């Protein structure tokens, strides 16, 4: 098995190192070649890109499965779309070595993935004071922005947003600034992500994969969670030597690099190798990522892209060992990828393996819904009743 991201020279027993199966080489005629793995022994910066429906999130799930099964690795999946909860479900029978349409493996023979799905909460003190004005949409040099930063910087570590709002209301700032900060802090409290007992880095570095369900969060709330998690993991690994190295897997990464989480993510990209923090960012809009996300990535997994700005963003940092145009070499089929491995300075065509846990990112289909309605076991279901039941389920989740 060829392992992406790893130099085997100098390694006495490379086959024993933590490795995740990614898929198989794809020959020019489309046939499957040798098995391809990903190095999980050392920290890496990865980028997974691709347009909608071509396997970007699926590939991120494959990496999460692999990291969850590896010793000494703790994957933390930020799930903005609610598609990774299947990691905590029983195996479906997919074969880590298979591609195409082979007979499924017996689920009982597949190693389960140990994973936990959490609704994230972070302590207000987990965010630096300077981040609060931007989080609340306030200009940092405005009276309200200055007051917001002052209140956040002077608050005790266990302060709640209600206490921050009370401190703002009791300050000597202008009435307008006090009212603005108080109202914005109350609005942020309604996001439901802030609490004194927030996520702690040691809790995320457990033997199980951690899926942070952020599917109900707005972009500002998502950024607050990602900023706190990224900073917490980085600082913990700088100060301690944890038993497991964190792999932060971030879907829809463009929404976070563009917000207050951006500086923390860039810190991991530029400084995370020494303390052992890995980051894999997935996006369908690589052109929306900062240059550092492209230049620092030592592993690029590129699915199909068609937007010119996205292709141009990748080609702008294409390595010299890539023969020809990157855009011309991008795959056209779902589940296939062009992999650029900067560690070994090589480029490969790969077909991503099957997931062994459920992938929840497939788009709903009207034909499947119709079949469900028409095949009621009791023979009493009607199409109208089915629509009514689905509507009630949606209403109870809002």
Protein backbone atom coordinates (compact mmCIF):
# COMPACT_ATOMS: atom_id res chain seq x y z
CA UNK A 1 0.00 0.00 0.00
CA UNK A 2 1.32 3.42 -0.95
CA UNK A 3 0.89 5.91 1.89
CA UNK A 4 0.32 9.56 1.06
CA UNK A 5 2.09 12.08 3.24
CA UNK A 6 4.85 9.74 4.42
CA UNK A 7 8.53 9.27 3.67
CA UNK A 8 9.38 5.64 4.39
CA UNK A 9 13.13 6.21 4.42
CA UNK A 10 14.49 6.05 7.95
CA UNK A 11 11.40 4.26 9.29
CA UNK A 12 12.36 0.78 10.60
CA UNK A 13 8.79 -0.57 10.53
CA UNK A 14 6.64 1.76 8.40
CA UNK A 15 3.82 -0.79 8.10
CA UNK A 16 3.11 -0.49 11.84
CA UNK A 17 2.61 3.28 11.79
CA UNK A 18 -0.94 4.73 12.06
CA UNK A 19 -2.37 4.73 8.56
CA UNK A 20 -5.82 5.31 7.11
CA UNK A 21 -7.13 3.72 3.92
CA UNK A 22 -8.23 6.33 1.39
CA UNK A 23 -8.98 4.27 -1.72
CA UNK A 24 -7.18 2.88 -4.74
CA UNK A 25 -5.16 4.31 -7.55
CA UNK A 26 -7.19 5.00 -10.66
CA UNK A 27 -5.55 4.00 -13.91
CA UNK A 28 -5.99 6.03 -17.08
CA UNK A 29 -8.49 3.45 -18.34
CA UNK A 30 -10.54 3.82 -15.15
CA UNK A 31 -9.56 0.50 -13.62
CA UNK A 32 -8.57 0.13 -9.97
CA UNK A 33 -4.95 -0.13 -8.97
CA UNK A 34 -3.08 -0.55 -5.71
CA UNK A 35 -4.48 0.51 -2.35
CA UNK A 36 -3.73 4.07 -1.25
CA UNK A 37 -3.46 5.13 2.38
CA UNK A 38 -2.96 8.39 4.28
CA UNK A 39 -0.32 8.92 6.92
CA UNK A 40 -1.87 9.51 10.36
CA UNK A 41 1.36 9.27 12.30
CA UNK A 42 2.50 12.86 11.81
CA UNK A 43 0.55 16.14 11.73
CA UNK A 44 -0.66 17.34 8.35
CA UNK A 45 -2.50 20.23 6.75
CA UNK A 46 -5.02 18.99 4.21
CA UNK A 47 -7.44 20.54 1.76
CA UNK A 48 -10.42 18.67 0.26
CA UNK A 49 -12.22 20.52 -2.53
CA UNK A 50 -14.97 19.74 -5.00
CA UNK A 51 -18.25 21.01 -6.35
CA UNK A 52 -21.53 19.90 -4.85
CA UNK A 53 -22.35 16.24 -5.31
CA UNK A 54 -18.88 14.97 -6.25
CA UNK A 55 -17.72 13.54 -2.93
CA UNK A 56 -16.09 16.30 -0.90
CA UNK A 57 -17.95 15.62 2.36
CA UNK A 58 -17.89 11.88 1.69
CA UNK A 59 -14.09 11.99 1.49
CA UNK A 60 -13.95 13.94 4.74
CA UNK A 61 -16.04 11.17 6.31
CA UNK A 62 -13.62 8.54 4.98
CA UNK A 63 -10.75 10.40 6.64
CA UNK A 64 -12.75 10.67 9.87
CA UNK A 65 -13.40 6.91 9.88
CA UNK A 66 -9.73 6.20 9.30
CA UNK A 67 -8.57 8.58 12.03
CA UNK A 68 -11.10 7.16 14.49
CA UNK A 69 -9.69 3.66 14.00
CA UNK A 70 -6.05 4.75 14.33
CA UNK A 71 -4.21 4.57 17.64
CA UNK A 72 -2.89 7.83 19.03
CA UNK A 73 -5.23 9.99 16.93
CA UNK A 74 -8.32 11.95 18.01
CA UNK A 75 -10.50 13.22 15.14
CA UNK A 76 -12.78 16.19 15.84
CA UNK A 77 -15.31 16.75 13.04
CA UNK A 78 -17.01 20.14 12.72
CA UNK A 79 -20.32 19.34 11.03
CA UNK A 80 -22.12 22.48 9.78
CA UNK A 81 -24.53 20.52 7.55
CA UNK A 82 -25.48 17.63 9.85
CA UNK A 83 -24.08 14.89 7.60
CA UNK A 84 -21.48 13.23 9.85
CA UNK A 85 -23.66 11.87 12.65
CA UNK A 86 -23.56 8.51 10.86
CA UNK A 87 -20.03 8.02 12.19
CA UNK A 88 -21.63 7.03 15.49
CA UNK A 89 -23.97 4.48 13.86
CA UNK A 90 -23.36 0.78 13.33
CA UNK A 91 -21.34 -0.23 10.25
CA UNK A 92 -23.38 -0.58 7.09
CA UNK A 93 -21.19 -3.24 5.54
CA UNK A 94 -19.07 -1.10 3.24
CA UNK A 95 -15.63 -2.46 2.49
CA UNK A 96 -12.62 -0.19 3.18
CA UNK A 97 -10.77 -1.95 0.35
CA UNK A 98 -13.56 -1.86 -2.21
CA UNK A 99 -14.57 0.57 -4.92
CA UNK A 100 -17.18 0.42 -7.60
CA UNK A 101 -20.09 -1.93 -6.94
CA UNK A 102 -18.75 -5.09 -5.26
CA UNK A 103 -20.90 -7.21 -2.94
CA UNK A 104 -21.12 -5.49 0.45
CA UNK A 105 -19.12 -6.82 3.35
CA UNK A 106 -20.95 -8.39 6.29
CA UNK A 107 -21.44 -5.51 8.77
CA UNK A 108 -20.48 -7.84 11.62
CA UNK A 109 -17.01 -8.24 10.11
CA UNK A 110 -16.31 -4.50 9.92
CA UNK A 111 -14.53 -2.80 12.78
CA UNK A 112 -16.97 -0.28 14.29
CA UNK A 113 -16.07 3.38 14.57
CA UNK A 114 -16.13 4.75 18.09
CA UNK A 115 -17.72 8.18 17.78
CA UNK A 116 -19.79 10.59 19.82
CA UNK A 117 -22.07 13.32 18.47
CA UNK A 118 -22.18 16.47 20.61
CA UNK A 119 -24.14 19.69 20.51
CA UNK A 120 -21.27 22.13 21.10
CA UNK A 121 -21.14 24.79 23.76
CA UNK A 122 -18.23 27.09 24.54
CA UNK A 123 -17.44 29.36 27.45
CA UNK A 124 -17.49 33.09 26.60
CA UNK A 125 -13.98 33.34 28.03
CA UNK A 126 -12.78 30.86 25.39
CA UNK A 127 -12.89 33.71 22.89
CA UNK A 128 -10.32 36.51 23.17
CA UNK A 129 -11.70 39.94 23.98
CA UNK A 130 -10.56 41.33 20.64
CA UNK A 131 -12.78 38.83 18.79
CA UNK A 132 -16.03 39.90 20.42
CA UNK A 133 -16.73 43.11 18.44
CA UNK A 134 -16.38 41.29 15.11
CA UNK A 135 -18.46 38.36 16.37
CA UNK A 136 -21.31 40.72 17.25
CA UNK A 137 -20.97 42.77 14.07
CA UNK A 138 -19.58 45.85 15.80
CA UNK A 139 -16.80 48.05 14.49
CA UNK A 140 -13.86 47.58 16.80
CA UNK A 141 -13.10 51.31 17.00
CA UNK A 142 -16.72 52.36 17.58
CA UNK A 143 -17.99 53.25 21.07
CA UNK A 144 -20.01 50.03 21.20
CA UNK A 145 -17.13 47.92 19.87
CA UNK A 146 -14.68 49.41 22.36
CA UNK A 147 -17.11 48.79 25.21
CA UNK A 148 -17.72 45.21 24.09
CA UNK A 149 -14.00 44.44 24.00
CA UNK A 150 -13.44 46.14 27.36
CA UNK A 151 -16.23 44.19 29.06
CA UNK A 152 -15.09 40.85 27.61
CA UNK A 153 -11.48 41.51 28.59
CA UNK A 154 -12.29 42.40 32.20
CA UNK A 155 -14.80 39.62 32.89
CA UNK A 156 -13.92 36.61 35.08
CA UNK A 157 -13.31 33.25 33.33
CA UNK A 158 -16.67 31.84 34.39
CA UNK A 159 -18.75 34.86 33.34
CA UNK A 160 -21.93 34.26 31.36
CA UNK A 161 -23.23 36.44 28.56
CA UNK A 162 -25.93 37.73 30.89
CA UNK A 163 -23.21 38.88 33.28
CA UNK A 164 -21.32 40.52 30.43
CA UNK A 165 -24.49 42.35 29.42
CA UNK A 166 -25.00 43.51 33.00
CA UNK A 167 -21.42 44.80 33.14
CA UNK A 168 -21.97 46.69 29.90
CA UNK A 169 -25.18 48.22 31.20
CA UNK A 170 -23.41 49.38 34.38
CA UNK A 171 -20.45 50.93 32.56
CA UNK A 172 -19.78 54.63 32.10
CA UNK A 173 -20.04 54.44 28.31
CA UNK A 174 -22.63 56.37 26.36
CA UNK A 175 -26.22 55.28 26.63
CA UNK A 176 -26.26 54.26 22.97
CA UNK A 177 -23.14 52.11 23.35
CA UNK A 178 -24.46 50.45 26.50
CA UNK A 179 -27.78 49.64 24.84
CA UNK A 180 -26.14 48.30 21.69
CA UNK A 181 -23.72 46.01 23.52
CA UNK A 182 -26.39 44.75 25.88
CA UNK A 183 -28.76 43.94 23.02
CA UNK A 184 -26.07 42.24 20.93
CA UNK A 185 -24.90 40.11 23.86
CA UNK A 186 -28.48 39.05 24.53
CA UNK A 187 -28.87 38.15 20.87
CA UNK A 188 -25.68 36.08 21.01
CA UNK A 189 -26.99 34.32 24.10
CA UNK A 190 -29.97 33.19 22.03
CA UNK A 191 -27.62 31.28 19.72
CA UNK A 192 -27.43 28.61 22.40
CA UNK A 193 -23.70 27.97 22.09
CA UNK A 194 -22.37 29.83 25.13
CA UNK A 195 -22.21 28.38 28.62
CA UNK A 196 -19.79 28.35 31.55
CA UNK A 197 -19.23 24.60 31.10
CA UNK A 198 -18.05 24.69 27.51
CA UNK A 199 -16.00 22.23 25.51
CA UNK A 200 -12.55 21.48 26.90
CA UNK A 201 -9.63 20.31 24.79
CA UNK A 202 -8.86 17.24 26.97
CA UNK A 203 -12.45 16.06 26.52
CA UNK A 204 -12.08 16.26 22.73
CA UNK A 205 -8.91 14.16 22.77
CA UNK A 206 -10.69 10.99 23.85
CA UNK A 207 -10.53 7.50 22.40
CA UNK A 208 -13.66 8.25 20.36
CA UNK A 209 -14.12 10.51 17.39
CA UNK A 210 -16.06 13.65 18.26
CA UNK A 211 -18.67 15.06 15.88
CA UNK A 212 -19.70 18.61 16.72
CA UNK A 213 -23.23 19.01 15.34
CA UNK A 214 -23.35 22.63 14.17
CA UNK A 215 -26.18 22.13 11.68
CA UNK A 216 -28.52 24.56 13.45
CA UNK A 217 -25.98 27.31 13.95
CA UNK A 218 -25.68 30.56 12.04
CA UNK A 219 -22.30 31.48 10.62
CA UNK A 220 -21.38 33.74 13.59
CA UNK A 221 -22.29 31.00 16.08
CA UNK A 222 -20.38 28.42 14.04
CA UNK A 223 -17.36 30.70 14.02
CA UNK A 224 -17.53 31.10 17.78
CA UNK A 225 -17.45 27.33 18.24
CA UNK A 226 -14.65 26.75 15.74
CA UNK A 227 -12.53 29.60 17.15
CA UNK A 228 -12.84 28.24 20.68
CA UNK A 229 -12.16 24.63 19.63
CA UNK A 230 -9.19 25.50 17.41
CA UNK A 231 -7.58 27.76 20.01
CA UNK A 232 -8.23 25.24 22.78
CA UNK A 233 -6.67 22.34 20.89
CA UNK A 234 -3.64 24.34 19.82
CA UNK A 235 -2.91 25.77 23.27
CA UNK A 236 -3.43 22.42 24.97
CA UNK A 237 -0.97 20.70 22.65
CA UNK A 238 1.57 23.50 23.14
CA UNK A 239 1.38 23.22 26.92
CA UNK A 240 0.94 19.46 27.24
CA UNK A 241 1.89 16.28 25.40
CA UNK A 242 -1.51 14.62 24.97
CA UNK A 243 -1.77 10.87 24.46
CA UNK A 244 -3.59 11.47 21.17
CA UNK A 245 -2.85 13.99 18.44
CA UNK A 246 -5.89 16.00 17.31
CA UNK A 247 -7.11 16.01 13.73
CA UNK A 248 -9.57 18.86 13.22
CA UNK A 249 -11.79 18.04 10.21
CA UNK A 250 -13.75 21.08 9.08
CA UNK A 251 -16.51 20.95 6.48
CA UNK A 252 -17.73 24.13 4.72
CA UNK A 253 -14.42 25.70 5.72
CA UNK A 254 -14.96 28.90 3.71
CA UNK A 255 -17.60 30.00 6.24
CA UNK A 256 -15.02 29.86 9.03
CA UNK A 257 -11.92 31.25 7.36
CA UNK A 258 -14.00 34.31 6.50
CA UNK A 259 -15.13 34.86 10.12
CA UNK A 260 -13.58 35.18 13.56
CA UNK A 261 -12.42 31.55 13.40
CA UNK A 262 -10.03 32.45 10.57
CA UNK A 263 -7.05 33.58 12.70
CA UNK A 264 -7.17 30.42 14.84
CA UNK A 265 -7.34 28.17 11.77
CA UNK A 266 -4.45 30.00 10.15
CA UNK A 267 -2.43 29.55 13.34
CA UNK A 268 -2.90 25.79 13.12
CA UNK A 269 -1.90 25.83 9.46
CA UNK A 270 1.28 27.81 10.05
CA UNK A 271 2.28 26.65 13.55
CA UNK A 272 0.36 23.45 14.22
CA UNK A 273 3.02 21.01 13.09
CA UNK A 274 5.33 21.47 16.10
CA UNK A 275 2.66 20.80 18.77
CA UNK A 276 1.07 18.07 16.60
CA UNK A 277 -2.25 19.62 15.54
CA UNK A 278 -3.62 18.63 12.12
CA UNK A 279 -6.28 20.46 10.12
CA UNK A 280 -8.21 19.18 7.11
CA UNK A 281 -10.44 21.83 5.55
CA UNK A 282 -13.14 20.90 3.05
CA UNK A 283 -14.91 23.37 0.79
CA UNK A 284 -16.68 23.66 -2.55
CA UNK A 285 -15.29 27.18 -2.88
CA UNK A 286 -11.48 27.03 -2.73
CA UNK A 287 -11.33 30.54 -4.18
CA UNK A 288 -12.94 31.80 -0.95
CA UNK A 289 -10.09 30.49 1.22
CA UNK A 290 -7.09 32.65 2.10
CA UNK A 291 -3.80 32.01 0.36
CA UNK A 292 -2.30 30.45 3.48
CA UNK A 293 -4.85 27.62 3.32
CA UNK A 294 -3.54 26.67 -0.11
CA UNK A 295 0.16 27.31 0.44
CA UNK A 296 0.35 25.43 3.75
CA UNK A 297 -1.57 22.34 2.61
CA UNK A 298 0.76 19.37 2.21
CA UNK A 299 -2.12 17.19 0.97
CA UNK A 300 -4.70 18.29 -1.60
CA UNK A 301 -7.64 16.07 -2.51
CA UNK A 302 -9.39 17.69 -5.46
CA UNK A 303 -12.71 16.39 -6.75
CA UNK A 304 -14.45 17.91 -9.77
CA UNK A 305 -14.49 21.71 -10.02
CA UNK A 306 -15.96 23.79 -12.85
CA UNK A 307 -15.94 27.39 -11.58
CA UNK A 308 -13.04 29.29 -13.11
CA UNK A 309 -12.14 31.23 -9.91
CA UNK A 310 -11.90 27.97 -7.95
CA UNK A 311 -9.67 26.31 -10.52
CA UNK A 312 -7.53 29.44 -10.78
CA UNK A 313 -7.08 29.49 -7.00
CA UNK A 314 -5.65 25.97 -7.07
CA UNK A 315 -3.52 26.54 -10.13
CA UNK A 316 -2.00 29.65 -8.54
CA UNK A 317 -0.22 27.43 -6.01
CA UNK A 318 0.30 24.37 -8.22
CA UNK A 319 3.67 22.73 -7.54
CA UNK A 320 6.36 22.54 -10.19
CA UNK A 321 6.22 18.73 -10.16
CA UNK A 322 2.62 18.79 -11.41
CA UNK A 323 2.84 18.11 -15.12
CA UNK A 324 0.36 20.03 -17.20
CA UNK A 325 -2.58 22.09 -16.01
CA UNK A 326 -4.28 21.14 -12.76
CA UNK A 327 -7.62 22.12 -14.22
CA UNK A 328 -7.16 19.72 -17.13
CA UNK A 329 -6.31 16.87 -14.76
CA UNK A 330 -9.29 17.28 -12.43
CA UNK A 331 -11.59 14.23 -12.45
CA UNK A 332 -15.07 14.28 -13.94
CA UNK A 333 -16.74 11.42 -12.03
CA UNK A 334 -18.12 11.51 -8.46
CA UNK A 335 -15.91 9.72 -5.98
CA UNK A 336 -12.70 10.23 -7.93
CA UNK A 337 -10.03 12.73 -6.97
CA UNK A 338 -6.72 14.19 -8.02
CA UNK A 339 -4.41 13.96 -5.00
CA UNK A 340 -1.36 16.21 -4.71
CA UNK A 341 1.02 14.92 -2.05
CA UNK A 342 3.59 17.59 -1.26
CA UNK A 343 5.44 15.38 1.22
CA UNK A 344 6.55 12.99 -1.50
CA UNK A 345 6.11 15.57 -4.29
CA UNK A 346 3.82 13.32 -6.29
CA UNK A 347 0.42 13.52 -7.98
CA UNK A 348 -2.07 10.64 -8.16
CA UNK A 349 -5.50 9.81 -9.50
CA UNK A 350 -7.47 8.09 -6.74
CA UNK A 351 -10.92 6.60 -6.39
CA UNK A 352 -12.11 7.09 -2.82
CA UNK A 353 -13.10 3.94 -0.95
CA UNK A 354 -16.57 3.18 0.37
CA UNK A 355 -17.64 4.43 3.76
CA UNK A 356 -18.24 1.73 6.38
CA UNK A 357 -20.61 3.96 8.36
CA UNK A 358 -23.68 5.73 6.97
CA UNK A 359 -23.12 8.86 4.92
CA UNK A 360 -25.95 11.30 5.56
CA UNK A 361 -25.00 13.83 2.91
CA UNK A 362 -26.90 12.38 -0.05
CA UNK A 363 -29.56 14.68 -1.47
CA UNK A 364 -33.21 13.65 -0.97
CA UNK A 365 -35.01 12.40 -4.07
CA UNK A 366 -38.68 12.84 -4.83
CA UNK A 367 -38.84 9.36 -6.37
CA UNK A 368 -37.68 7.82 -3.09
CA UNK A 369 -40.24 9.80 -1.10
CA UNK A 370 -42.99 8.66 -3.45
CA UNK A 371 -41.93 5.04 -3.08
CA UNK A 372 -42.00 5.36 0.70
CA UNK A 373 -45.52 6.76 0.68
CA UNK A 374 -46.81 4.11 -1.71
CA UNK A 375 -45.34 1.15 0.20
CA UNK A 376 -46.96 1.61 3.60
CA UNK A 377 -46.87 -1.68 5.51
CA UNK A 378 -50.42 -1.29 6.83
CA UNK A 379 -51.92 -0.27 3.53
CA UNK A 380 -53.48 2.82 5.14
CA UNK A 381 -50.90 5.48 4.27
CA UNK A 382 -51.93 8.16 1.81
CA UNK A 383 -49.71 10.67 0.05
CA UNK A 384 -51.41 13.57 1.87
CA UNK A 385 -50.91 11.91 5.25
CA UNK A 386 -47.24 11.35 4.48
CA UNK A 387 -46.73 15.00 3.68
CA UNK A 388 -48.57 16.01 6.86
CA UNK A 389 -46.39 13.76 9.02
CA UNK A 390 -43.20 15.09 7.45
CA UNK A 391 -44.35 18.66 8.04
CA UNK A 392 -44.97 17.95 11.74
CA UNK A 393 -41.50 16.49 12.11
CA UNK A 394 -39.95 19.61 10.60
CA UNK A 395 -41.96 21.91 12.85
CA UNK A 396 -40.93 20.10 16.03
CA UNK A 397 -37.24 20.53 15.20
CA UNK A 398 -37.32 24.28 14.68
